[in-house]
């Protein structure tokens, strides 16, 4: 649950950064009222660039927390302090990145945000799309929504890959569009403990994102490039995991 101090920081950051971002980048925002003003809500978005999370929280009608690498909060000196202040101010939740227990720890961090009645954003694809296609959603999005008992607002972002070419690095002027879809109640698919319910609910969320974004569906999971022989062999032997 966010502390009073972090809540004040997030409020002040939005008060300053949100109008500034709108003035400089003039983002086109569609369906802003689809984000409930109060109560826990999960925003599920496509992912094109590092800046996506910051764009979402600055244009939404309320502060939206999101996962960020814990290293952004551990820097030293003036640079480290500024980095911590910025990411804490825009709602970032520090987590360790990775698979297995690290992935579950990240979901648990999101669950705490939702259970506190706040808004949280997630990328069902897992990592940003490097070719512009929409990849298959991982079922953590459904687990979060069903476990917390909150609606999912699908989000489609376009243009951030032009604002931040390559998905990371320097920012340049580009027109960005953020569309918030109508909230989806996933409870009809079944409980969070059901693998089938999680899969079908996730597919429904991804279909809503695709209808808004117009992206070509990749039909596979978005995996980072294999860096070891073991990873390459595993992907060959177990293509269904993709």
C-alpha atoms as a PDB file:
ATOM      1  CA  UNK A   1       0.000   0.000   0.000  1.00  0.00           C
ATOM      2  CA  UNK A   2       1.472   3.379  -1.010  1.00  0.00           C
ATOM      3  CA  UNK A   3       2.692   5.536   1.860  1.00  0.00           C
ATOM      4  CA  UNK A   4       1.310   9.010   2.515  1.00  0.00           C
ATOM      5  CA  UNK A   5       4.662  10.479   1.460  1.00  0.00           C
ATOM      6  CA  UNK A   6       4.708   8.601  -1.865  1.00  0.00           C
ATOM      7  CA  UNK A   7       1.084   9.565  -2.480  1.00  0.00           C
ATOM      8  CA  UNK A   8       1.900  13.247  -2.030  1.00  0.00           C
ATOM      9  CA  UNK A   9       4.921  12.880  -4.333  1.00  0.00           C
ATOM     10  CA  UNK A  10       2.794  11.248  -7.025  1.00  0.00           C
ATOM     11  CA  UNK A  11       0.154  13.976  -6.734  1.00  0.00           C
ATOM     12  CA  UNK A  12       2.712  16.771  -7.061  1.00  0.00           C
ATOM     13  CA  UNK A  13       4.472  15.051  -9.960  1.00  0.00           C
ATOM     14  CA  UNK A  14       1.220  14.656 -11.892  1.00  0.00           C
ATOM     15  CA  UNK A  15       0.286  18.244 -11.080  1.00  0.00           C
ATOM     16  CA  UNK A  16       3.488  19.444 -12.732  1.00  0.00           C
ATOM     17  CA  UNK A  17       4.371  16.817 -15.337  1.00  0.00           C
ATOM     18  CA  UNK A  18       0.939  16.010 -16.775  1.00  0.00           C
ATOM     19  CA  UNK A  19       0.122  19.501 -18.134  1.00  0.00           C
ATOM     20  CA  UNK A  20       3.746  19.933 -19.210  1.00  0.00           C
ATOM     21  CA  UNK A  21       3.671  16.700 -21.227  1.00  0.00           C
ATOM     22  CA  UNK A  22       0.374  17.678 -22.823  1.00  0.00           C
ATOM     23  CA  UNK A  23       1.754  21.078 -23.769  1.00  0.00           C
ATOM     24  CA  UNK A  24       4.965  19.736 -25.306  1.00  0.00           C
ATOM     25  CA  UNK A  25       3.850  16.482 -26.928  1.00  0.00           C
ATOM     26  CA  UNK A  26       0.119  17.182 -27.459  1.00  0.00           C
ATOM     27  CA  UNK A  27      -0.930  13.528 -27.063  1.00  0.00           C
ATOM     28  CA  UNK A  28      -4.271  12.426 -28.456  1.00  0.00           C
ATOM     29  CA  UNK A  29      -6.258  10.734 -25.690  1.00  0.00           C
ATOM     30  CA  UNK A  30      -9.389   8.691 -26.450  1.00  0.00           C
ATOM     31  CA  UNK A  31     -11.768   7.205 -23.897  1.00  0.00           C
ATOM     32  CA  UNK A  32     -10.167   8.829 -20.866  1.00  0.00           C
ATOM     33  CA  UNK A  33     -13.440   8.519 -18.933  1.00  0.00           C
ATOM     34  CA  UNK A  34     -13.273   4.726 -19.266  1.00  0.00           C
ATOM     35  CA  UNK A  35     -10.747   4.730 -16.435  1.00  0.00           C
ATOM     36  CA  UNK A  36     -12.723   4.673 -13.153  1.00  0.00           C
ATOM     37  CA  UNK A  37     -11.880   7.617 -10.922  1.00  0.00           C
ATOM     38  CA  UNK A  38     -11.934   5.495  -7.781  1.00  0.00           C
ATOM     39  CA  UNK A  39     -11.262   1.916  -6.733  1.00  0.00           C
ATOM     40  CA  UNK A  40      -8.838  -0.740  -7.875  1.00  0.00           C
ATOM     41  CA  UNK A  41      -8.478  -1.072 -11.639  1.00  0.00           C
ATOM     42  CA  UNK A  42      -5.956  -2.837 -13.862  1.00  0.00           C
ATOM     43  CA  UNK A  43      -4.846  -1.157 -17.092  1.00  0.00           C
ATOM     44  CA  UNK A  44      -3.560  -3.653 -19.678  1.00  0.00           C
ATOM     45  CA  UNK A  45      -1.653  -2.124 -22.573  1.00  0.00           C
ATOM     46  CA  UNK A  46       0.330  -3.010 -25.651  1.00  0.00           C
ATOM     47  CA  UNK A  47       4.007  -2.118 -25.322  1.00  0.00           C
ATOM     48  CA  UNK A  48       6.161  -0.314 -27.894  1.00  0.00           C
ATOM     49  CA  UNK A  49       8.697   1.718 -25.900  1.00  0.00           C
ATOM     50  CA  UNK A  50      10.128   2.229 -22.425  1.00  0.00           C
ATOM     51  CA  UNK A  51       8.228   5.497 -22.076  1.00  0.00           C
ATOM     52  CA  UNK A  52       4.797   3.826 -22.422  1.00  0.00           C
ATOM     53  CA  UNK A  53       4.250   3.523 -18.655  1.00  0.00           C
ATOM     54  CA  UNK A  54       5.044   7.187 -18.073  1.00  0.00           C
ATOM     55  CA  UNK A  55       2.752   8.252 -20.923  1.00  0.00           C
ATOM     56  CA  UNK A  56      -0.137   6.199 -19.535  1.00  0.00           C
ATOM     57  CA  UNK A  57       0.078   7.587 -16.015  1.00  0.00           C
ATOM     58  CA  UNK A  58       0.422  11.181 -17.251  1.00  0.00           C
ATOM     59  CA  UNK A  59      -2.611  11.107 -19.567  1.00  0.00           C
ATOM     60  CA  UNK A  60      -4.953   8.931 -17.451  1.00  0.00           C
ATOM     61  CA  UNK A  61      -7.530  10.663 -15.267  1.00  0.00           C
ATOM     62  CA  UNK A  62      -5.790   9.315 -12.136  1.00  0.00           C
ATOM     63  CA  UNK A  63      -2.329   8.242 -11.064  1.00  0.00           C
ATOM     64  CA  UNK A  64      -1.433   4.780 -12.384  1.00  0.00           C
ATOM     65  CA  UNK A  65       1.308   2.711 -10.737  1.00  0.00           C
ATOM     66  CA  UNK A  66       3.543   0.486 -12.844  1.00  0.00           C
ATOM     67  CA  UNK A  67       6.444  -1.925 -12.455  1.00  0.00           C
ATOM     68  CA  UNK A  68       9.988  -0.655 -12.921  1.00  0.00           C
ATOM     69  CA  UNK A  69      13.406  -2.214 -12.451  1.00  0.00           C
ATOM     70  CA  UNK A  70      14.575  -1.998  -8.857  1.00  0.00           C
ATOM     71  CA  UNK A  71      17.897  -0.593 -10.074  1.00  0.00           C
ATOM     72  CA  UNK A  72      16.123   2.695 -10.814  1.00  0.00           C
ATOM     73  CA  UNK A  73      15.756   3.120  -7.059  1.00  0.00           C
ATOM     74  CA  UNK A  74      19.229   2.129  -5.926  1.00  0.00           C
ATOM     75  CA  UNK A  75      21.432   4.697  -7.650  1.00  0.00           C
ATOM     76  CA  UNK A  76      23.806   6.853  -5.630  1.00  0.00           C
ATOM     77  CA  UNK A  77      24.608  10.517  -5.574  1.00  0.00           C
ATOM     78  CA  UNK A  78      22.605  13.325  -7.120  1.00  0.00           C
ATOM     79  CA  UNK A  79      21.735  11.315 -10.238  1.00  0.00           C
ATOM     80  CA  UNK A  80      20.450   8.427  -8.149  1.00  0.00           C
ATOM     81  CA  UNK A  81      18.369  10.746  -5.977  1.00  0.00           C
ATOM     82  CA  UNK A  82      16.837  12.459  -9.009  1.00  0.00           C
ATOM     83  CA  UNK A  83      16.076   9.102 -10.602  1.00  0.00           C
ATOM     84  CA  UNK A  84      14.402   7.790  -7.449  1.00  0.00           C
ATOM     85  CA  UNK A  85      12.406  10.980  -7.110  1.00  0.00           C
ATOM     86  CA  UNK A  86      11.212  10.878 -10.703  1.00  0.00           C
ATOM     87  CA  UNK A  87      10.205   7.226 -10.827  1.00  0.00           C
ATOM     88  CA  UNK A  88       8.632   7.351  -7.388  1.00  0.00           C
ATOM     89  CA  UNK A  89       6.769  10.491  -8.397  1.00  0.00           C
ATOM     90  CA  UNK A  90       5.227   8.964 -11.514  1.00  0.00           C
ATOM     91  CA  UNK A  91       4.076   5.873  -9.633  1.00  0.00           C
ATOM     92  CA  UNK A  92       6.760   3.280 -10.374  1.00  0.00           C
ATOM     93  CA  UNK A  93       6.848   0.203  -8.129  1.00  0.00           C
ATOM     94  CA  UNK A  94      10.371  -1.287  -7.814  1.00  0.00           C
ATOM     95  CA  UNK A  95      10.583  -4.986  -8.700  1.00  0.00           C
ATOM     96  CA  UNK A  96      13.234  -7.487  -9.689  1.00  0.00           C
ATOM     97  CA  UNK A  97      12.881  -8.483 -13.332  1.00  0.00           C
ATOM     98  CA  UNK A  98      13.014 -12.109 -14.423  1.00  0.00           C
ATOM     99  CA  UNK A  99      11.155 -15.385 -14.534  1.00  0.00           C
ATOM    100  CA  UNK A 100       9.958 -17.758 -11.826  1.00  0.00           C
ATOM    101  CA  UNK A 101       9.830 -16.280  -8.339  1.00  0.00           C
ATOM    102  CA  UNK A 102      10.857 -12.827  -9.603  1.00  0.00           C
ATOM    103  CA  UNK A 103       7.870 -12.752 -11.967  1.00  0.00           C
ATOM    104  CA  UNK A 104       5.509 -13.788  -9.168  1.00  0.00           C
ATOM    105  CA  UNK A 105       7.013 -11.170  -6.853  1.00  0.00           C
ATOM    106  CA  UNK A 106       6.219  -8.554  -9.519  1.00  0.00           C
ATOM    107  CA  UNK A 107       2.618  -9.749  -9.746  1.00  0.00           C
ATOM    108  CA  UNK A 108       2.333  -9.724  -5.963  1.00  0.00           C
ATOM    109  CA  UNK A 109       3.522  -6.106  -5.942  1.00  0.00           C
ATOM    110  CA  UNK A 110       0.789  -5.232  -8.432  1.00  0.00           C
ATOM    111  CA  UNK A 111      -1.782  -7.125  -6.367  1.00  0.00           C
ATOM    112  CA  UNK A 112      -0.960  -5.025  -3.314  1.00  0.00           C
ATOM    113  CA  UNK A 113      -1.560  -1.855  -5.322  1.00  0.00           C
ATOM    114  CA  UNK A 114      -4.930  -3.103  -6.587  1.00  0.00           C
ATOM    115  CA  UNK A 115      -6.065  -4.319  -3.163  1.00  0.00           C
ATOM    116  CA  UNK A 116      -5.282  -0.852  -1.798  1.00  0.00           C
ATOM    117  CA  UNK A 117      -7.860   0.536  -4.239  1.00  0.00           C
ATOM    118  CA  UNK A 118      -5.356   2.084  -6.645  1.00  0.00           C
ATOM    119  CA  UNK A 119      -4.768   1.814 -10.398  1.00  0.00           C
ATOM    120  CA  UNK A 120      -2.022  -0.397 -11.773  1.00  0.00           C
ATOM    121  CA  UNK A 121      -0.805  -0.943 -15.342  1.00  0.00           C
ATOM    122  CA  UNK A 122       0.665  -4.076 -16.882  1.00  0.00           C
ATOM    123  CA  UNK A 123       1.913  -5.243 -20.278  1.00  0.00           C
ATOM    124  CA  UNK A 124       0.473  -8.708 -20.987  1.00  0.00           C
ATOM    125  CA  UNK A 125       3.078  -9.175 -23.755  1.00  0.00           C
ATOM    126  CA  UNK A 126       5.752  -9.130 -21.055  1.00  0.00           C
ATOM    127  CA  UNK A 127       8.235  -6.967 -22.920  1.00  0.00           C
ATOM    128  CA  UNK A 128       8.060  -4.352 -25.640  1.00  0.00           C
ATOM    129  CA  UNK A 129       7.390  -5.352 -29.238  1.00  0.00           C
ATOM    130  CA  UNK A 130      10.476  -4.847 -31.377  1.00  0.00           C
ATOM    131  CA  UNK A 131       8.676  -5.268 -34.700  1.00  0.00           C
ATOM    132  CA  UNK A 132       5.378  -3.511 -33.980  1.00  0.00           C
ATOM    133  CA  UNK A 133       3.299  -6.694 -33.881  1.00  0.00           C
ATOM    134  CA  UNK A 134       1.034  -7.586 -30.965  1.00  0.00           C
ATOM    135  CA  UNK A 135       2.295 -10.687 -29.194  1.00  0.00           C
ATOM    136  CA  UNK A 136       0.349 -13.289 -27.247  1.00  0.00           C
ATOM    137  CA  UNK A 137      -0.608 -12.192 -23.740  1.00  0.00           C
ATOM    138  CA  UNK A 138       0.769 -13.903 -20.667  1.00  0.00           C
ATOM    139  CA  UNK A 139      -1.880 -14.896 -18.160  1.00  0.00           C
ATOM    140  CA  UNK A 140      -0.561 -12.810 -15.261  1.00  0.00           C
ATOM    141  CA  UNK A 141      -2.963 -10.050 -16.332  1.00  0.00           C
ATOM    142  CA  UNK A 142      -5.950 -12.344 -15.752  1.00  0.00           C
ATOM    143  CA  UNK A 143      -4.512 -13.682 -12.490  1.00  0.00           C
ATOM    144  CA  UNK A 144      -4.145 -10.145 -11.158  1.00  0.00           C
ATOM    145  CA  UNK A 145      -7.627  -8.995 -12.153  1.00  0.00           C
ATOM    146  CA  UNK A 146      -9.389 -12.155 -10.969  1.00  0.00           C
ATOM    147  CA  UNK A 147      -7.471 -12.388  -7.702  1.00  0.00           C
ATOM    148  CA  UNK A 148      -8.027  -8.723  -6.842  1.00  0.00           C
ATOM    149  CA  UNK A 149     -11.591  -8.714  -8.184  1.00  0.00           C
ATOM    150  CA  UNK A 150     -11.033  -5.590 -10.291  1.00  0.00           C
ATOM    151  CA  UNK A 151     -12.003  -4.651 -13.857  1.00  0.00           C
ATOM    152  CA  UNK A 152      -9.477  -4.469 -16.684  1.00  0.00           C
ATOM    153  CA  UNK A 153      -9.258  -1.390 -18.902  1.00  0.00           C
ATOM    154  CA  UNK A 154      -7.579  -2.322 -22.212  1.00  0.00           C
ATOM    155  CA  UNK A 155      -5.194   0.349 -23.499  1.00  0.00           C
ATOM    156  CA  UNK A 156      -3.788   0.864 -26.988  1.00  0.00           C
ATOM    157  CA  UNK A 157      -0.771   3.106 -27.503  1.00  0.00           C
ATOM    158  CA  UNK A 158       0.540   4.238 -30.885  1.00  0.00           C
ATOM    159  CA  UNK A 159       3.419   6.579 -31.681  1.00  0.00           C
ATOM    160  CA  UNK A 160       5.704   5.985 -28.699  1.00  0.00           C
ATOM    161  CA  UNK A 161       7.990   3.922 -30.943  1.00  0.00           C
ATOM    162  CA  UNK A 162       8.438   7.115 -33.004  1.00  0.00           C
ATOM    163  CA  UNK A 163       8.915   9.189 -29.860  1.00  0.00           C
ATOM    164  CA  UNK A 164      11.542   6.744 -28.603  1.00  0.00           C
ATOM    165  CA  UNK A 165      13.018   4.911 -31.629  1.00  0.00           C
ATOM    166  CA  UNK A 166      14.280   1.464 -30.763  1.00  0.00           C
ATOM    167  CA  UNK A 167      12.084   1.403 -27.673  1.00  0.00           C
ATOM    168  CA  UNK A 168      14.555   3.125 -25.365  1.00  0.00           C
ATOM    169  CA  UNK A 169      17.008   5.986 -25.257  1.00  0.00           C
ATOM    170  CA  UNK A 170      16.528   9.697 -26.079  1.00  0.00           C
ATOM    171  CA  UNK A 171      13.043  11.160 -26.526  1.00  0.00           C
ATOM    172  CA  UNK A 172      12.111  13.132 -29.620  1.00  0.00           C
ATOM    173  CA  UNK A 173       8.987  14.984 -30.708  1.00  0.00           C
ATOM    174  CA  UNK A 174       6.288  12.673 -32.078  1.00  0.00           C
ATOM    175  CA  UNK A 175       2.502  12.500 -31.918  1.00  0.00           C
ATOM    176  CA  UNK A 176       1.255   9.835 -29.540  1.00  0.00           C
ATOM    177  CA  UNK A 177      -2.252   8.413 -29.259  1.00  0.00           C
ATOM    178  CA  UNK A 178      -3.514   6.648 -26.142  1.00  0.00           C
ATOM    179  CA  UNK A 179      -6.905   4.937 -26.268  1.00  0.00           C
ATOM    180  CA  UNK A 180      -8.600   3.599 -23.142  1.00  0.00           C
ATOM    181  CA  UNK A 181     -11.206   0.953 -23.885  1.00  0.00           C
ATOM    182  CA  UNK A 182     -14.322   0.123 -21.918  1.00  0.00           C
ATOM    183  CA  UNK A 183     -13.671  -1.766 -18.644  1.00  0.00           C
ATOM    184  CA  UNK A 184     -13.871  -5.557 -18.906  1.00  0.00           C
ATOM    185  CA  UNK A 185     -15.202  -7.743 -16.096  1.00  0.00           C
ATOM    186  CA  UNK A 186     -13.256 -11.013 -16.298  1.00  0.00           C
ATOM    187  CA  UNK A 187     -15.144 -12.795 -13.517  1.00  0.00           C
ATOM    188  CA  UNK A 188     -17.408 -14.584 -16.033  1.00  0.00           C
ATOM    189  CA  UNK A 189     -14.408 -16.590 -17.270  1.00  0.00           C
ATOM    190  CA  UNK A 190     -13.961 -18.333 -13.932  1.00  0.00           C
ATOM    191  CA  UNK A 191     -11.676 -18.193 -10.875  1.00  0.00           C
ATOM    192  CA  UNK A 192      -8.013 -17.180 -10.854  1.00  0.00           C
ATOM    193  CA  UNK A 193      -7.103 -20.747  -9.903  1.00  0.00           C
ATOM    194  CA  UNK A 194      -8.306 -22.069 -13.271  1.00  0.00           C
ATOM    195  CA  UNK A 195      -5.670 -22.168 -15.991  1.00  0.00           C
ATOM    196  CA  UNK A 196      -8.352 -22.248 -18.664  1.00  0.00           C
ATOM    197  CA  UNK A 197     -10.107 -19.214 -17.175  1.00  0.00           C
ATOM    198  CA  UNK A 198      -6.848 -17.266 -17.054  1.00  0.00           C
ATOM    199  CA  UNK A 199      -6.034 -18.165 -20.665  1.00  0.00           C
ATOM    200  CA  UNK A 200      -9.454 -17.277 -22.072  1.00  0.00           C
ATOM    201  CA  UNK A 201      -9.666 -14.074 -20.042  1.00  0.00           C
ATOM    202  CA  UNK A 202      -6.215 -13.005 -21.210  1.00  0.00           C
ATOM    203  CA  UNK A 203      -7.124 -13.697 -24.839  1.00  0.00           C
ATOM    204  CA  UNK A 204     -10.222 -11.522 -24.447  1.00  0.00           C
ATOM    205  CA  UNK A 205      -8.112  -8.649 -23.119  1.00  0.00           C
ATOM    206  CA  UNK A 206      -5.598  -8.989 -25.958  1.00  0.00           C
ATOM    207  CA  UNK A 207      -8.406  -9.044 -28.531  1.00  0.00           C
ATOM    208  CA  UNK A 208      -9.714  -5.752 -27.139  1.00  0.00           C
ATOM    209  CA  UNK A 209      -6.238  -4.207 -27.330  1.00  0.00           C
ATOM    210  CA  UNK A 210      -5.812  -5.422 -30.919  1.00  0.00           C
ATOM    211  CA  UNK A 211      -9.138  -3.940 -32.038  1.00  0.00           C
ATOM    212  CA  UNK A 212      -8.025  -0.522 -30.816  1.00  0.00           C
ATOM    213  CA  UNK A 213      -4.364  -0.639 -31.855  1.00  0.00           C
ATOM    214  CA  UNK A 214      -4.879  -2.309 -35.241  1.00  0.00           C
ATOM    215  CA  UNK A 215      -1.628  -4.222 -34.769  1.00  0.00           C
ATOM    216  CA  UNK A 216      -0.919  -7.446 -36.610  1.00  0.00           C
ATOM    217  CA  UNK A 217      -1.100 -10.374 -34.217  1.00  0.00           C
ATOM    218  CA  UNK A 218       2.154 -12.312 -33.925  1.00  0.00           C
ATOM    219  CA  UNK A 219       0.479 -15.456 -32.567  1.00  0.00           C
ATOM    220  CA  UNK A 220       3.463 -16.293 -30.335  1.00  0.00           C
ATOM    221  CA  UNK A 221       4.922 -15.041 -27.080  1.00  0.00           C
ATOM    222  CA  UNK A 222       7.348 -12.140 -27.184  1.00  0.00           C
ATOM    223  CA  UNK A 223      10.619 -13.687 -26.045  1.00  0.00           C
ATOM    224  CA  UNK A 224      13.831 -11.684 -25.562  1.00  0.00           C
ATOM    225  CA  UNK A 225      16.692 -12.865 -27.782  1.00  0.00           C
ATOM    226  CA  UNK A 226      18.218 -16.161 -26.559  1.00  0.00           C
ATOM    227  CA  UNK A 227      21.634 -15.477 -25.058  1.00  0.00           C
ATOM    228  CA  UNK A 228      22.791 -19.015 -24.285  1.00  0.00           C
ATOM    229  CA  UNK A 229      22.893 -22.333 -26.119  1.00  0.00           C
ATOM    230  CA  UNK A 230      20.629 -23.795 -23.440  1.00  0.00           C
ATOM    231  CA  UNK A 231      17.949 -21.179 -24.134  1.00  0.00           C
ATOM    232  CA  UNK A 232      18.147 -21.758 -27.895  1.00  0.00           C
ATOM    233  CA  UNK A 233      17.811 -25.527 -27.481  1.00  0.00           C
ATOM    234  CA  UNK A 234      14.909 -25.127 -25.040  1.00  0.00           C
ATOM    235  CA  UNK A 235      12.977 -22.983 -27.495  1.00  0.00           C
ATOM    236  CA  UNK A 236      13.507 -25.535 -30.246  1.00  0.00           C
ATOM    237  CA  UNK A 237      12.416 -28.468 -28.054  1.00  0.00           C
ATOM    238  CA  UNK A 238       9.492 -26.607 -26.474  1.00  0.00           C
ATOM    239  CA  UNK A 239       7.982 -24.322 -29.144  1.00  0.00           C
ATOM    240  CA  UNK A 240       4.584 -24.460 -27.418  1.00  0.00           C
ATOM    241  CA  UNK A 241       5.947 -22.203 -24.676  1.00  0.00           C
ATOM    242  CA  UNK A 242       6.205 -19.433 -27.215  1.00  0.00           C
END
